Amino acid sequence: MRFYKFHRLALALLSHHRRVAEIVLGSGFVLYKRQKTVTKMSKGRLEAFGDAIIAIVITIMVLEFHAPESAELSALWPIIPQFLAYVLSFLFLTIYWNNHHNLFHAVEQVNGAVLWANLHLMFWLSLVPFTTAWLSEAGLAPAPVTLYGLVLFFAGMAYLLLLRSLVKLHGKQSPFALAIGRDTKGKLSLGLYGAGLLLGGWMPILAMALYALIAILWLVPDRRFENALRLAQQSSNTPR
């Protein structure tokens, strides 16, 4: 009789603990599933990393300047080509920084593919100080002009790939993708970069003029990201 009661008590305890285990495991699974569904990869560190890289690149270019030993204004003439190359590179870097900032202000999330695409862009931008320094020292020679344009071309290609990775993440019918559209301006810039590469070996001055034209083209404010934010706000305010 005692054994029978003990057996029933043991079964009851086992049943109780099994129930508790099911509740705990079930709750954990629900929490895990909810966390997996709701959590999105933050874009804040990506933006900060991009800002840091571009700031460092600009600082490196500035450090390439060496003050002349003479106190005469004529001593500045030899560094004028270096200054002009710096101005053009500075324009390109600030344009990338401005578009990069507005781009990630308009998107909602990022993923691994976006992180790698962003690193790809930062790689090519980090080479700008080297090509600028060579262009400053060698002048408008075919080799440095061609390499300068090659880095700008691949930077533009990397930015285009970054845009496509974000469109793929958010969907082709998302407000961000609709605001980006066909990206005619970006594709036109790549075409001009390609033309500059072809001209760099024969007419370096004309190639640099094309690169300057691209910089001027992008100085015009790009309203696409503002449109993306406005479309996203309109879609969120639309009753479902």
C-alpha atoms as a PDB file:
ATOM      1  CA  MET A   1       0.000   0.000   0.000  1.00  0.00           C
ATOM      2  CA  ARG A   2       2.800   2.367   0.905  1.00  0.00           C
ATOM      3  CA  PHE A   3       4.601   1.462  -2.296  1.00  0.00           C
ATOM      4  CA  TYR A   4       1.465   2.237  -4.297  1.00  0.00           C
ATOM      5  CA  LYS A   5       1.128   5.653  -2.639  1.00  0.00           C
ATOM      6  CA  PHE A   6       4.797   6.391  -3.214  1.00  0.00           C
ATOM      7  CA  HIS A   7       4.451   5.382  -6.846  1.00  0.00           C
ATOM      8  CA  ARG A   8       1.474   7.731  -7.333  1.00  0.00           C
ATOM      9  CA  LEU A   9       3.351  10.559  -5.612  1.00  0.00           C
ATOM     10  CA  ALA A  10       6.383  10.051  -7.844  1.00  0.00           C
ATOM     11  CA  LEU A  11       4.216  10.082 -10.970  1.00  0.00           C
ATOM     12  CA  ALA A  12       2.528  13.269  -9.786  1.00  0.00           C
ATOM     13  CA  LEU A  13       5.881  14.963  -9.192  1.00  0.00           C
ATOM     14  CA  LEU A  14       7.168  13.870 -12.570  1.00  0.00           C
ATOM     15  CA  SER A  15       4.012  15.121 -14.232  1.00  0.00           C
ATOM     16  CA  HIS A  16       4.315  18.419 -12.380  1.00  0.00           C
ATOM     17  CA  HIS A  17       7.955  18.914 -13.335  1.00  0.00           C
ATOM     18  CA  ARG A  18       7.202  17.961 -16.924  1.00  0.00           C
ATOM     19  CA  ARG A  19       4.484  20.587 -17.007  1.00  0.00           C
ATOM     20  CA  VAL A  20       6.843  23.188 -15.557  1.00  0.00           C
ATOM     21  CA  ALA A  21       9.506  22.217 -18.099  1.00  0.00           C
ATOM     22  CA  GLU A  22       7.024  22.531 -20.943  1.00  0.00           C
ATOM     23  CA  ILE A  23       5.974  25.972 -19.738  1.00  0.00           C
ATOM     24  CA  VAL A  24       9.565  27.159 -19.368  1.00  0.00           C
ATOM     25  CA  LEU A  25      10.729  25.713 -22.685  1.00  0.00           C
ATOM     26  CA  GLY A  26       7.592  26.902 -24.421  1.00  0.00           C
ATOM     27  CA  SER A  27       8.054  30.411 -23.068  1.00  0.00           C
ATOM     28  CA  GLY A  28      11.671  30.403 -24.100  1.00  0.00           C
ATOM     29  CA  PHE A  29      10.744  29.295 -27.602  1.00  0.00           C
ATOM     30  CA  VAL A  30       8.113  32.017 -27.859  1.00  0.00           C
ATOM     31  CA  LEU A  31      10.575  34.631 -26.619  1.00  0.00           C
ATOM     32  CA  TYR A  32      13.215  33.403 -29.048  1.00  0.00           C
ATOM     33  CA  LYS A  33      10.749  33.391 -31.915  1.00  0.00           C
ATOM     34  CA  ARG A  34       9.501  36.846 -31.014  1.00  0.00           C
ATOM     35  CA  GLN A  35      13.050  38.175 -30.714  1.00  0.00           C
ATOM     36  CA  LYS A  36      13.997  36.599 -34.034  1.00  0.00           C
ATOM     37  CA  THR A  37      10.989  38.185 -35.697  1.00  0.00           C
ATOM     38  CA  VAL A  38      11.196  41.679 -34.218  1.00  0.00           C
ATOM     39  CA  THR A  39      14.938  42.351 -33.937  1.00  0.00           C
ATOM     40  CA  LYS A  40      16.505  44.292 -36.821  1.00  0.00           C
ATOM     41  CA  MET A  41      20.162  44.989 -37.443  1.00  0.00           C
ATOM     42  CA  SER A  42      21.000  48.506 -36.326  1.00  0.00           C
ATOM     43  CA  LYS A  43      22.337  50.953 -38.915  1.00  0.00           C
ATOM     44  CA  GLY A  44      23.895  53.357 -36.412  1.00  0.00           C
ATOM     45  CA  ARG A  45      27.327  51.711 -36.244  1.00  0.00           C
ATOM     46  CA  LEU A  46      27.484  51.459 -40.034  1.00  0.00           C
ATOM     47  CA  GLU A  47      26.857  55.186 -40.365  1.00  0.00           C
ATOM     48  CA  ALA A  48      29.455  55.977 -37.695  1.00  0.00           C
ATOM     49  CA  PHE A  49      32.015  53.741 -39.386  1.00  0.00           C
ATOM     50  CA  GLY A  50      31.470  55.444 -42.743  1.00  0.00           C
ATOM     51  CA  ASP A  51      31.773  58.894 -41.162  1.00  0.00           C
ATOM     52  CA  ALA A  52      35.028  57.898 -39.466  1.00  0.00           C
ATOM     53  CA  ILE A  53      36.589  56.467 -42.639  1.00  0.00           C
ATOM     54  CA  ILE A  54      35.792  59.527 -44.747  1.00  0.00           C
ATOM     55  CA  ALA A  55      37.027  61.884 -42.012  1.00  0.00           C
ATOM     56  CA  ILE A  56      40.317  59.970 -41.756  1.00  0.00           C
ATOM     57  CA  VAL A  57      40.756  59.963 -45.541  1.00  0.00           C
ATOM     58  CA  ILE A  58      40.303  63.758 -45.703  1.00  0.00           C
ATOM     59  CA  THR A  59      42.728  64.218 -42.808  1.00  0.00           C
ATOM     60  CA  ILE A  60      45.369  62.114 -44.570  1.00  0.00           C
ATOM     61  CA  MET A  61      45.066  64.281 -47.678  1.00  0.00           C
ATOM     62  CA  VAL A  62      45.512  67.450 -45.625  1.00  0.00           C
ATOM     63  CA  LEU A  63      48.645  66.052 -43.979  1.00  0.00           C
ATOM     64  CA  GLU A  64      50.201  65.671 -47.431  1.00  0.00           C
ATOM     65  CA  PHE A  65      50.515  69.471 -47.598  1.00  0.00           C
ATOM     66  CA  HIS A  66      53.870  70.865 -46.533  1.00  0.00           C
ATOM     67  CA  ALA A  67      54.257  74.568 -45.855  1.00  0.00           C
ATOM     68  CA  PRO A  68      56.904  76.281 -47.978  1.00  0.00           C
ATOM     69  CA  GLU A  69      60.039  77.448 -46.215  1.00  0.00           C
ATOM     70  CA  SER A  70      59.972  80.852 -47.885  1.00  0.00           C
ATOM     71  CA  ALA A  71      57.778  83.695 -46.628  1.00  0.00           C
ATOM     72  CA  GLU A  72      57.074  84.938 -50.153  1.00  0.00           C
ATOM     73  CA  LEU A  73      53.706  84.350 -51.867  1.00  0.00           C
ATOM     74  CA  SER A  74      55.553  83.084 -54.899  1.00  0.00           C
ATOM     75  CA  ALA A  75      56.543  80.043 -52.859  1.00  0.00           C
ATOM     76  CA  LEU A  76      52.930  78.866 -53.055  1.00  0.00           C
ATOM     77  CA  TRP A  77      52.984  78.472 -56.841  1.00  0.00           C
ATOM     78  CA  PRO A  78      54.645  75.026 -56.814  1.00  0.00           C
ATOM     79  CA  ILE A  79      51.906  73.566 -54.598  1.00  0.00           C
ATOM     80  CA  ILE A  80      48.992  74.913 -56.666  1.00  0.00           C
ATOM     81  CA  PRO A  81      48.619  71.612 -58.637  1.00  0.00           C
ATOM     82  CA  GLN A  82      48.571  69.725 -55.349  1.00  0.00           C
ATOM     83  CA  PHE A  83      45.945  72.108 -53.988  1.00  0.00           C
ATOM     84  CA  LEU A  84      43.731  71.708 -57.071  1.00  0.00           C
ATOM     85  CA  ALA A  85      43.963  67.912 -56.847  1.00  0.00           C
ATOM     86  CA  TYR A  86      43.060  68.146 -53.163  1.00  0.00           C
ATOM     87  CA  VAL A  87      40.030  70.345 -53.894  1.00  0.00           C
ATOM     88  CA  LEU A  88      38.684  67.899 -56.472  1.00  0.00           C
ATOM     89  CA  SER A  89      39.216  64.888 -54.196  1.00  0.00           C
ATOM     90  CA  PHE A  90      37.709  66.777 -51.270  1.00  0.00           C
ATOM     91  CA  LEU A  91      34.615  67.501 -53.355  1.00  0.00           C
ATOM     92  CA  PHE A  92      34.220  63.828 -54.247  1.00  0.00           C
ATOM     93  CA  LEU A  93      34.636  62.680 -50.635  1.00  0.00           C
ATOM     94  CA  THR A  94      32.187  65.231 -49.238  1.00  0.00           C
ATOM     95  CA  ILE A  95      29.664  64.294 -51.941  1.00  0.00           C
ATOM     96  CA  TYR A  96      29.984  60.643 -50.933  1.00  0.00           C
ATOM     97  CA  TRP A  97      29.658  61.577 -47.260  1.00  0.00           C
ATOM     98  CA  ASN A  98      26.553  63.665 -47.908  1.00  0.00           C
ATOM     99  CA  ASN A  99      24.869  60.969 -50.004  1.00  0.00           C
ATOM    100  CA  HIS A 100      25.941  58.234 -47.581  1.00  0.00           C
ATOM    101  CA  HIS A 101      24.419  60.144 -44.667  1.00  0.00           C
ATOM    102  CA  ASN A 102      21.144  60.834 -46.465  1.00  0.00           C
ATOM    103  CA  LEU A 103      21.017  57.285 -47.818  1.00  0.00           C
ATOM    104  CA  PHE A 104      21.109  55.599 -44.419  1.00  0.00           C
ATOM    105  CA  HIS A 105      18.807  58.193 -42.945  1.00  0.00           C
ATOM    106  CA  ALA A 106      16.189  57.071 -45.464  1.00  0.00           C
ATOM    107  CA  VAL A 107      16.483  53.295 -44.948  1.00  0.00           C
ATOM    108  CA  GLU A 108      14.929  51.328 -42.113  1.00  0.00           C
ATOM    109  CA  GLN A 109      17.411  48.495 -41.601  1.00  0.00           C
ATOM    110  CA  VAL A 110      20.576  46.836 -42.866  1.00  0.00           C
ATOM    111  CA  ASN A 111      21.822  43.265 -43.194  1.00  0.00           C
ATOM    112  CA  GLY A 112      25.070  41.428 -43.841  1.00  0.00           C
ATOM    113  CA  ALA A 113      25.027  42.091 -47.581  1.00  0.00           C
ATOM    114  CA  VAL A 114      24.637  45.821 -46.952  1.00  0.00           C
ATOM    115  CA  LEU A 115      27.544  45.772 -44.490  1.00  0.00           C
ATOM    116  CA  TRP A 116      29.839  44.156 -47.052  1.00  0.00           C
ATOM    117  CA  ALA A 117      28.679  46.513 -49.806  1.00  0.00           C
ATOM    118  CA  ASN A 118      29.438  49.448 -47.523  1.00  0.00           C
ATOM    119  CA  LEU A 119      32.917  48.070 -46.744  1.00  0.00           C
ATOM    120  CA  HIS A 120      33.499  47.705 -50.485  1.00  0.00           C
ATOM    121  CA  LEU A 121      32.707  51.393 -50.950  1.00  0.00           C
ATOM    122  CA  MET A 122      34.953  52.414 -48.037  1.00  0.00           C
ATOM    123  CA  PHE A 123      37.834  50.421 -49.532  1.00  0.00           C
ATOM    124  CA  TRP A 124      37.847  52.418 -52.751  1.00  0.00           C
ATOM    125  CA  LEU A 125      37.402  55.725 -50.942  1.00  0.00           C
ATOM    126  CA  SER A 126      40.381  54.908 -48.719  1.00  0.00           C
ATOM    127  CA  LEU A 127      42.585  54.820 -51.847  1.00  0.00           C
ATOM    128  CA  VAL A 128      41.767  58.424 -52.789  1.00  0.00           C
ATOM    129  CA  PRO A 129      44.662  59.952 -50.763  1.00  0.00           C
ATOM    130  CA  PHE A 130      47.190  57.765 -52.601  1.00  0.00           C
ATOM    131  CA  THR A 131      45.907  58.596 -56.086  1.00  0.00           C
ATOM    132  CA  THR A 132      45.610  62.267 -55.143  1.00  0.00           C
ATOM    133  CA  ALA A 133      49.206  62.350 -53.891  1.00  0.00           C
ATOM    134  CA  TRP A 134      50.523  60.700 -57.060  1.00  0.00           C
ATOM    135  CA  LEU A 135      48.513  63.080 -59.219  1.00  0.00           C
ATOM    136  CA  SER A 136      49.928  66.022 -57.259  1.00  0.00           C
ATOM    137  CA  GLU A 137      53.531  64.880 -57.596  1.00  0.00           C
ATOM    138  CA  ALA A 138      53.491  63.636 -61.215  1.00  0.00           C
ATOM    139  CA  GLY A 139      51.095  66.199 -62.661  1.00  0.00           C
ATOM    140  CA  LEU A 140      48.674  65.494 -65.500  1.00  0.00           C
ATOM    141  CA  ALA A 141      50.540  62.458 -66.764  1.00  0.00           C
ATOM    142  CA  PRO A 142      48.569  59.578 -68.307  1.00  0.00           C
ATOM    143  CA  ALA A 143      49.321  56.962 -65.626  1.00  0.00           C
ATOM    144  CA  PRO A 144      48.342  58.948 -62.486  1.00  0.00           C
ATOM    145  CA  VAL A 145      45.282  60.448 -64.195  1.00  0.00           C
ATOM    146  CA  THR A 146      44.130  56.993 -65.302  1.00  0.00           C
ATOM    147  CA  LEU A 147      44.618  55.497 -61.841  1.00  0.00           C
ATOM    148  CA  TYR A 148      42.800  58.448 -60.278  1.00  0.00           C
ATOM    149  CA  GLY A 149      39.839  57.886 -62.579  1.00  0.00           C
ATOM    150  CA  LEU A 150      39.942  54.123 -62.022  1.00  0.00           C
ATOM    151  CA  VAL A 151      39.530  54.538 -58.264  1.00  0.00           C
ATOM    152  CA  LEU A 152      36.659  56.982 -58.789  1.00  0.00           C
ATOM    153  CA  PHE A 153      35.016  54.575 -61.242  1.00  0.00           C
ATOM    154  CA  PHE A 154      35.126  51.648 -58.822  1.00  0.00           C
ATOM    155  CA  ALA A 155      33.935  53.878 -55.978  1.00  0.00           C
ATOM    156  CA  GLY A 156      30.924  54.826 -58.097  1.00  0.00           C
ATOM    157  CA  MET A 157      30.334  51.168 -58.926  1.00  0.00           C
ATOM    158  CA  ALA A 158      30.543  50.269 -55.225  1.00  0.00           C
ATOM    159  CA  TYR A 159      27.981  52.950 -54.375  1.00  0.00           C
ATOM    160  CA  LEU A 160      25.656  51.558 -57.035  1.00  0.00           C
ATOM    161  CA  LEU A 161      26.017  48.057 -55.556  1.00  0.00           C
ATOM    162  CA  LEU A 162      25.258  49.481 -52.113  1.00  0.00           C
ATOM    163  CA  LEU A 163      22.050  51.017 -53.442  1.00  0.00           C
ATOM    164  CA  ARG A 164      21.015  47.714 -55.036  1.00  0.00           C
ATOM    165  CA  SER A 165      21.654  45.767 -51.842  1.00  0.00           C
ATOM    166  CA  LEU A 166      19.428  48.185 -49.923  1.00  0.00           C
ATOM    167  CA  VAL A 167      16.693  47.986 -52.561  1.00  0.00           C
ATOM    168  CA  LYS A 168      16.835  44.191 -52.402  1.00  0.00           C
ATOM    169  CA  LEU A 169      16.556  44.290 -48.609  1.00  0.00           C
ATOM    170  CA  HIS A 170      13.599  46.676 -48.487  1.00  0.00           C
ATOM    171  CA  GLY A 171      11.803  45.337 -51.572  1.00  0.00           C
ATOM    172  CA  LYS A 172      11.328  46.696 -55.068  1.00  0.00           C
ATOM    173  CA  GLN A 173       7.957  48.190 -54.141  1.00  0.00           C
ATOM    174  CA  SER A 174       9.178  49.854 -50.949  1.00  0.00           C
ATOM    175  CA  PRO A 175       9.125  53.666 -50.658  1.00  0.00           C
ATOM    176  CA  PHE A 176      12.935  53.623 -50.712  1.00  0.00           C
ATOM    177  CA  ALA A 177      13.122  51.634 -53.965  1.00  0.00           C
ATOM    178  CA  LEU A 178      10.446  53.770 -55.614  1.00  0.00           C
ATOM    179  CA  ALA A 179      12.320  56.940 -54.677  1.00  0.00           C
ATOM    180  CA  ILE A 180      15.626  55.603 -56.050  1.00  0.00           C
ATOM    181  CA  GLY A 181      13.967  54.783 -59.364  1.00  0.00           C
ATOM    182  CA  ARG A 182      16.257  53.987 -62.282  1.00  0.00           C
ATOM    183  CA  ASP A 183      19.203  55.889 -60.775  1.00  0.00           C
ATOM    184  CA  THR A 184      19.870  57.683 -64.062  1.00  0.00           C
ATOM    185  CA  LYS A 185      22.292  60.102 -62.456  1.00  0.00           C
ATOM    186  CA  GLY A 186      24.427  57.327 -61.015  1.00  0.00           C
ATOM    187  CA  LYS A 187      24.564  55.396 -64.282  1.00  0.00           C
ATOM    188  CA  LEU A 188      25.411  58.556 -66.205  1.00  0.00           C
ATOM    189  CA  SER A 189      28.286  59.203 -63.803  1.00  0.00           C
ATOM    190  CA  LEU A 190      29.678  55.706 -64.383  1.00  0.00           C
ATOM    191  CA  GLY A 191      29.519  56.317 -68.128  1.00  0.00           C
ATOM    192  CA  LEU A 192      31.445  59.577 -67.735  1.00  0.00           C
ATOM    193  CA  TYR A 193      34.014  57.829 -65.550  1.00  0.00           C
ATOM    194  CA  GLY A 194      34.450  55.223 -68.282  1.00  0.00           C
ATOM    195  CA  ALA A 195      34.922  57.946 -70.891  1.00  0.00           C
ATOM    196  CA  GLY A 196      37.498  59.593 -68.658  1.00  0.00           C
ATOM    197  CA  LEU A 197      39.409  56.319 -68.353  1.00  0.00           C
ATOM    198  CA  LEU A 198      39.532  56.012 -72.130  1.00  0.00           C
ATOM    199  CA  LEU A 199      40.749  59.588 -72.503  1.00  0.00           C
ATOM    200  CA  GLY A 200      43.247  59.418 -69.658  1.00  0.00           C
ATOM    201  CA  GLY A 201      45.924  57.697 -71.722  1.00  0.00           C
ATOM    202  CA  TRP A 202      45.808  60.248 -74.560  1.00  0.00           C
ATOM    203  CA  MET A 203      44.242  63.460 -73.230  1.00  0.00           C
ATOM    204  CA  PRO A 204      44.666  63.587 -69.449  1.00  0.00           C
ATOM    205  CA  ILE A 205      43.472  67.198 -69.223  1.00  0.00           C
ATOM    206  CA  LEU A 206      40.159  66.310 -70.864  1.00  0.00           C
ATOM    207  CA  ALA A 207      39.810  63.300 -68.564  1.00  0.00           C
ATOM    208  CA  MET A 208      40.265  65.516 -65.475  1.00  0.00           C
ATOM    209  CA  ALA A 209      37.696  67.926 -66.934  1.00  0.00           C
ATOM    210  CA  LEU A 210      35.208  65.047 -67.107  1.00  0.00           C
ATOM    211  CA  TYR A 211      35.901  64.118 -63.485  1.00  0.00           C
ATOM    212  CA  ALA A 212      35.355  67.731 -62.458  1.00  0.00           C
ATOM    213  CA  LEU A 213      32.084  67.735 -64.423  1.00  0.00           C
ATOM    214  CA  ILE A 214      30.892  64.685 -62.486  1.00  0.00           C
ATOM    215  CA  ALA A 215      31.657  66.450 -59.199  1.00  0.00           C
ATOM    216  CA  ILE A 216      29.686  69.501 -60.321  1.00  0.00           C
ATOM    217  CA  LEU A 217      26.828  67.231 -61.389  1.00  0.00           C
ATOM    218  CA  TRP A 218      26.593  65.741 -57.895  1.00  0.00           C
ATOM    219  CA  LEU A 219      26.821  69.119 -56.175  1.00  0.00           C
ATOM    220  CA  VAL A 220      23.190  69.571 -57.194  1.00  0.00           C
ATOM    221  CA  PRO A 221      21.165  68.334 -54.175  1.00  0.00           C
ATOM    222  CA  ASP A 222      19.805  64.802 -54.571  1.00  0.00           C
ATOM    223  CA  ARG A 223      16.138  64.842 -53.541  1.00  0.00           C
ATOM    224  CA  ARG A 224      15.574  61.093 -53.889  1.00  0.00           C
ATOM    225  CA  PHE A 225      16.212  60.299 -50.232  1.00  0.00           C
ATOM    226  CA  GLU A 226      13.904  63.067 -49.085  1.00  0.00           C
ATOM    227  CA  ASN A 227      11.279  61.578 -51.395  1.00  0.00           C
ATOM    228  CA  ALA A 228      11.879  58.166 -49.821  1.00  0.00           C
ATOM    229  CA  LEU A 229      11.258  59.559 -46.340  1.00  0.00           C
ATOM    230  CA  ARG A 230       8.116  61.341 -47.510  1.00  0.00           C
ATOM    231  CA  LEU A 231       6.759  58.200 -49.207  1.00  0.00           C
ATOM    232  CA  ALA A 232       7.518  56.121 -46.117  1.00  0.00           C
ATOM    233  CA  GLN A 233       5.690  58.618 -43.928  1.00  0.00           C
ATOM    234  CA  GLN A 234       2.701  58.655 -46.257  1.00  0.00           C
ATOM    235  CA  SER A 235       2.517  54.850 -46.336  1.00  0.00           C
ATOM    236  CA  SER A 236       2.701  54.669 -42.538  1.00  0.00           C
ATOM    237  CA  ASN A 237      -0.117  57.218 -42.192  1.00  0.00           C
ATOM    238  CA  THR A 238      -2.339  55.391 -44.685  1.00  0.00           C
ATOM    239  CA  PRO A 239      -5.076  53.439 -42.835  1.00  0.00           C
ATOM    240  CA  ARG A 240      -4.912  49.688 -43.393  1.00  0.00           C
END
